[in-house]
Amino acid sequence: MEDPTAFSKLFGGFHWQQAVYSFWESFFCVAMSTGLVVLFKEKFNGCGKLALFLKDNAFGVYVFHAPILVAITMALKGFQLNPVAKMYIMSLIVIPTTFILVSLIRKIPIVEKYFT
């Protein structure tokens, strides 16, 4: 019959099995992370129209998202919903609205001249 404590030595304590498992786990995690970075660099290093639009407007969204979020939230504060459901609904409204407003702000001639 197999020793029931042999398997448990893998998951804790000062045992050689735990040391080997820890080294293997660390090596595997680093190798997977590096492999995924290389994979995405080689195979998925492109930008479509949507990704380009999001990338171009990302800093503006970072700057302007708070007042836009507060304005839309205050406008819709009368709706009584579950808070989690309301958060998801607000996310679906606020994120596209913020990106669209920032893209419109970037088309103002003086903004376009100095900040684009």
C-alpha atoms as a PDB file:
ATOM      1  CA  MET A   1       0.000   0.000   0.000  1.00  0.00           C
ATOM      2  CA  GLU A   2       1.152   3.501  -0.817  1.00  0.00           C
ATOM      3  CA  ASP A   3       2.268   5.905   1.907  1.00  0.00           C
ATOM      4  CA  PRO A   4      -0.492   8.569   2.258  1.00  0.00           C
ATOM      5  CA  THR A   5       2.010  11.178   3.450  1.00  0.00           C
ATOM      6  CA  ALA A   6       4.217  10.861   0.324  1.00  0.00           C
ATOM      7  CA  PHE A   7       1.826  12.891  -1.819  1.00  0.00           C
ATOM      8  CA  SER A   8       1.214  15.470   0.899  1.00  0.00           C
ATOM      9  CA  LYS A   9       4.956  16.244   1.000  1.00  0.00           C
ATOM     10  CA  LEU A  10       4.534  17.982  -2.361  1.00  0.00           C
ATOM     11  CA  PHE A  11       2.381  20.732  -0.909  1.00  0.00           C
ATOM     12  CA  GLY A  12       4.192  21.934   2.156  1.00  0.00           C
ATOM     13  CA  GLY A  13       6.899  21.453   4.664  1.00  0.00           C
ATOM     14  CA  PHE A  14      10.651  21.140   4.465  1.00  0.00           C
ATOM     15  CA  HIS A  15      10.984  18.152   2.110  1.00  0.00           C
ATOM     16  CA  TRP A  16      13.009  17.532  -1.042  1.00  0.00           C
ATOM     17  CA  GLN A  17       9.752  16.830  -2.905  1.00  0.00           C
ATOM     18  CA  GLN A  18       8.476  20.300  -2.041  1.00  0.00           C
ATOM     19  CA  ALA A  19      11.773  21.878  -3.168  1.00  0.00           C
ATOM     20  CA  VAL A  20      11.637  20.090  -6.544  1.00  0.00           C
ATOM     21  CA  TYR A  21       7.982  21.050  -6.995  1.00  0.00           C
ATOM     22  CA  SER A  22       8.720  24.702  -6.131  1.00  0.00           C
ATOM     23  CA  PHE A  23      11.602  24.910  -8.611  1.00  0.00           C
ATOM     24  CA  TRP A  24       9.519  23.245 -11.329  1.00  0.00           C
ATOM     25  CA  GLU A  25       6.557  25.547 -10.682  1.00  0.00           C
ATOM     26  CA  SER A  26       8.746  28.681 -10.801  1.00  0.00           C
ATOM     27  CA  PHE A  27      10.476  27.550 -13.994  1.00  0.00           C
ATOM     28  CA  PHE A  28       7.158  26.686 -15.629  1.00  0.00           C
ATOM     29  CA  CYS A  29       5.592  30.054 -14.747  1.00  0.00           C
ATOM     30  CA  VAL A  30       8.545  32.050 -16.069  1.00  0.00           C
ATOM     31  CA  ALA A  31       8.722  29.918 -19.224  1.00  0.00           C
ATOM     32  CA  MET A  32       4.980  30.285 -19.893  1.00  0.00           C
ATOM     33  CA  SER A  33       5.099  34.060 -19.368  1.00  0.00           C
ATOM     34  CA  THR A  34       8.092  34.438 -21.675  1.00  0.00           C
ATOM     35  CA  GLY A  35       6.541  32.128 -24.236  1.00  0.00           C
ATOM     36  CA  LEU A  36       3.292  34.077 -24.287  1.00  0.00           C
ATOM     37  CA  VAL A  37       5.147  37.373 -24.749  1.00  0.00           C
ATOM     38  CA  VAL A  38       7.069  35.904 -27.700  1.00  0.00           C
ATOM     39  CA  LEU A  39       3.925  34.322 -29.173  1.00  0.00           C
ATOM     40  CA  PHE A  40       1.968  37.566 -29.066  1.00  0.00           C
ATOM     41  CA  LYS A  41       4.947  39.538 -30.408  1.00  0.00           C
ATOM     42  CA  GLU A  42       5.343  37.197 -33.383  1.00  0.00           C
ATOM     43  CA  LYS A  43       1.742  36.279 -34.226  1.00  0.00           C
ATOM     44  CA  PHE A  44      -0.564  38.972 -32.852  1.00  0.00           C
ATOM     45  CA  ASN A  45       1.460  42.162 -33.270  1.00  0.00           C
ATOM     46  CA  GLY A  46      -1.055  44.058 -35.344  1.00  0.00           C
ATOM     47  CA  CYS A  47      -3.579  46.796 -34.998  1.00  0.00           C
ATOM     48  CA  GLY A  48      -6.999  46.879 -36.612  1.00  0.00           C
ATOM     49  CA  LYS A  49      -9.177  49.962 -37.016  1.00  0.00           C
ATOM     50  CA  LEU A  50     -10.874  49.542 -33.650  1.00  0.00           C
ATOM     51  CA  ALA A  51      -7.609  48.935 -31.781  1.00  0.00           C
ATOM     52  CA  LEU A  52      -6.033  51.940 -33.515  1.00  0.00           C
ATOM     53  CA  PHE A  53      -9.009  54.130 -32.525  1.00  0.00           C
ATOM     54  CA  LEU A  54      -8.800  52.946 -28.911  1.00  0.00           C
ATOM     55  CA  LYS A  55      -5.029  53.421 -28.821  1.00  0.00           C
ATOM     56  CA  ASP A  56      -5.194  56.953 -30.249  1.00  0.00           C
ATOM     57  CA  ASN A  57      -7.801  58.059 -27.717  1.00  0.00           C
ATOM     58  CA  ALA A  58      -6.603  56.175 -24.626  1.00  0.00           C
ATOM     59  CA  PHE A  59      -4.840  59.092 -22.917  1.00  0.00           C
ATOM     60  CA  GLY A  60      -7.796  61.414 -23.484  1.00  0.00           C
ATOM     61  CA  VAL A  61     -10.104  58.829 -21.970  1.00  0.00           C
ATOM     62  CA  TYR A  62      -7.762  58.609 -18.986  1.00  0.00           C
ATOM     63  CA  VAL A  63      -7.956  62.388 -18.551  1.00  0.00           C
ATOM     64  CA  PHE A  64     -11.681  62.915 -19.176  1.00  0.00           C
ATOM     65  CA  HIS A  65     -13.324  59.715 -17.920  1.00  0.00           C
ATOM     66  CA  ALA A  66     -14.016  60.928 -14.371  1.00  0.00           C
ATOM     67  CA  PRO A  67     -16.185  63.972 -15.201  1.00  0.00           C
ATOM     68  CA  ILE A  68     -18.008  62.063 -17.935  1.00  0.00           C
ATOM     69  CA  LEU A  69     -18.666  59.153 -15.559  1.00  0.00           C
ATOM     70  CA  VAL A  70     -19.954  61.486 -12.855  1.00  0.00           C
ATOM     71  CA  ALA A  71     -22.179  63.394 -15.301  1.00  0.00           C
ATOM     72  CA  ILE A  72     -23.776  60.255 -16.724  1.00  0.00           C
ATOM     73  CA  THR A  73     -24.133  58.701 -13.266  1.00  0.00           C
ATOM     74  CA  MET A  74     -25.876  61.805 -11.934  1.00  0.00           C
ATOM     75  CA  ALA A  75     -28.163  61.878 -14.966  1.00  0.00           C
ATOM     76  CA  LEU A  76     -29.218  58.265 -14.340  1.00  0.00           C
ATOM     77  CA  LYS A  77     -29.310  58.293 -10.542  1.00  0.00           C
ATOM     78  CA  GLY A  78     -33.108  58.020 -10.486  1.00  0.00           C
ATOM     79  CA  PHE A  79     -33.079  54.485 -11.876  1.00  0.00           C
ATOM     80  CA  GLN A  80     -33.344  51.909  -9.093  1.00  0.00           C
ATOM     81  CA  LEU A  81     -31.429  48.743  -9.943  1.00  0.00           C
ATOM     82  CA  ASN A  82     -29.236  46.184  -8.294  1.00  0.00           C
ATOM     83  CA  PRO A  83     -25.873  47.995  -7.796  1.00  0.00           C
ATOM     84  CA  VAL A  84     -23.898  45.333  -9.673  1.00  0.00           C
ATOM     85  CA  ALA A  85     -26.301  45.401 -12.621  1.00  0.00           C
ATOM     86  CA  LYS A  86     -26.224  49.203 -12.603  1.00  0.00           C
ATOM     87  CA  MET A  87     -22.402  49.142 -12.654  1.00  0.00           C
ATOM     88  CA  TYR A  88     -22.378  46.916 -15.746  1.00  0.00           C
ATOM     89  CA  ILE A  89     -25.024  49.001 -17.495  1.00  0.00           C
ATOM     90  CA  MET A  90     -23.105  52.195 -16.679  1.00  0.00           C
ATOM     91  CA  SER A  91     -19.917  50.623 -18.034  1.00  0.00           C
ATOM     92  CA  LEU A  92     -21.671  49.813 -21.303  1.00  0.00           C
ATOM     93  CA  ILE A  93     -22.827  53.441 -21.552  1.00  0.00           C
ATOM     94  CA  VAL A  94     -19.811  55.339 -20.196  1.00  0.00           C
ATOM     95  CA  ILE A  95     -16.937  53.584 -21.989  1.00  0.00           C
ATOM     96  CA  PRO A  96     -18.154  54.118 -25.583  1.00  0.00           C
ATOM     97  CA  THR A  97     -19.435  57.608 -24.727  1.00  0.00           C
ATOM     98  CA  THR A  98     -16.057  58.617 -23.314  1.00  0.00           C
ATOM     99  CA  PHE A  99     -14.151  57.318 -26.335  1.00  0.00           C
ATOM    100  CA  ILE A 100     -16.530  59.081 -28.738  1.00  0.00           C
ATOM    101  CA  LEU A 101     -16.379  62.387 -26.841  1.00  0.00           C
ATOM    102  CA  VAL A 102     -12.585  62.267 -26.663  1.00  0.00           C
ATOM    103  CA  SER A 103     -12.338  61.562 -30.390  1.00  0.00           C
ATOM    104  CA  LEU A 104     -14.577  64.581 -31.014  1.00  0.00           C
ATOM    105  CA  ILE A 105     -12.466  66.748 -28.692  1.00  0.00           C
ATOM    106  CA  ARG A 106      -9.350  65.694 -30.606  1.00  0.00           C
ATOM    107  CA  LYS A 107     -10.939  66.992 -33.846  1.00  0.00           C
ATOM    108  CA  ILE A 108     -11.179  70.568 -32.537  1.00  0.00           C
ATOM    109  CA  PRO A 109      -8.604  72.487 -34.622  1.00  0.00           C
ATOM    110  CA  ILE A 110      -6.553  73.940 -31.760  1.00  0.00           C
ATOM    111  CA  VAL A 111      -6.497  70.622 -29.919  1.00  0.00           C
ATOM    112  CA  GLU A 112      -5.572  68.813 -33.112  1.00  0.00           C
ATOM    113  CA  LYS A 113      -2.780  71.295 -33.794  1.00  0.00           C
ATOM    114  CA  TYR A 114      -1.104  71.180 -30.390  1.00  0.00           C
ATOM    115  CA  PHE A 115      -2.035  67.853 -28.841  1.00  0.00           C
ATOM    116  CA  THR A 116      -2.285  65.307 -31.630  1.00  0.00           C
END
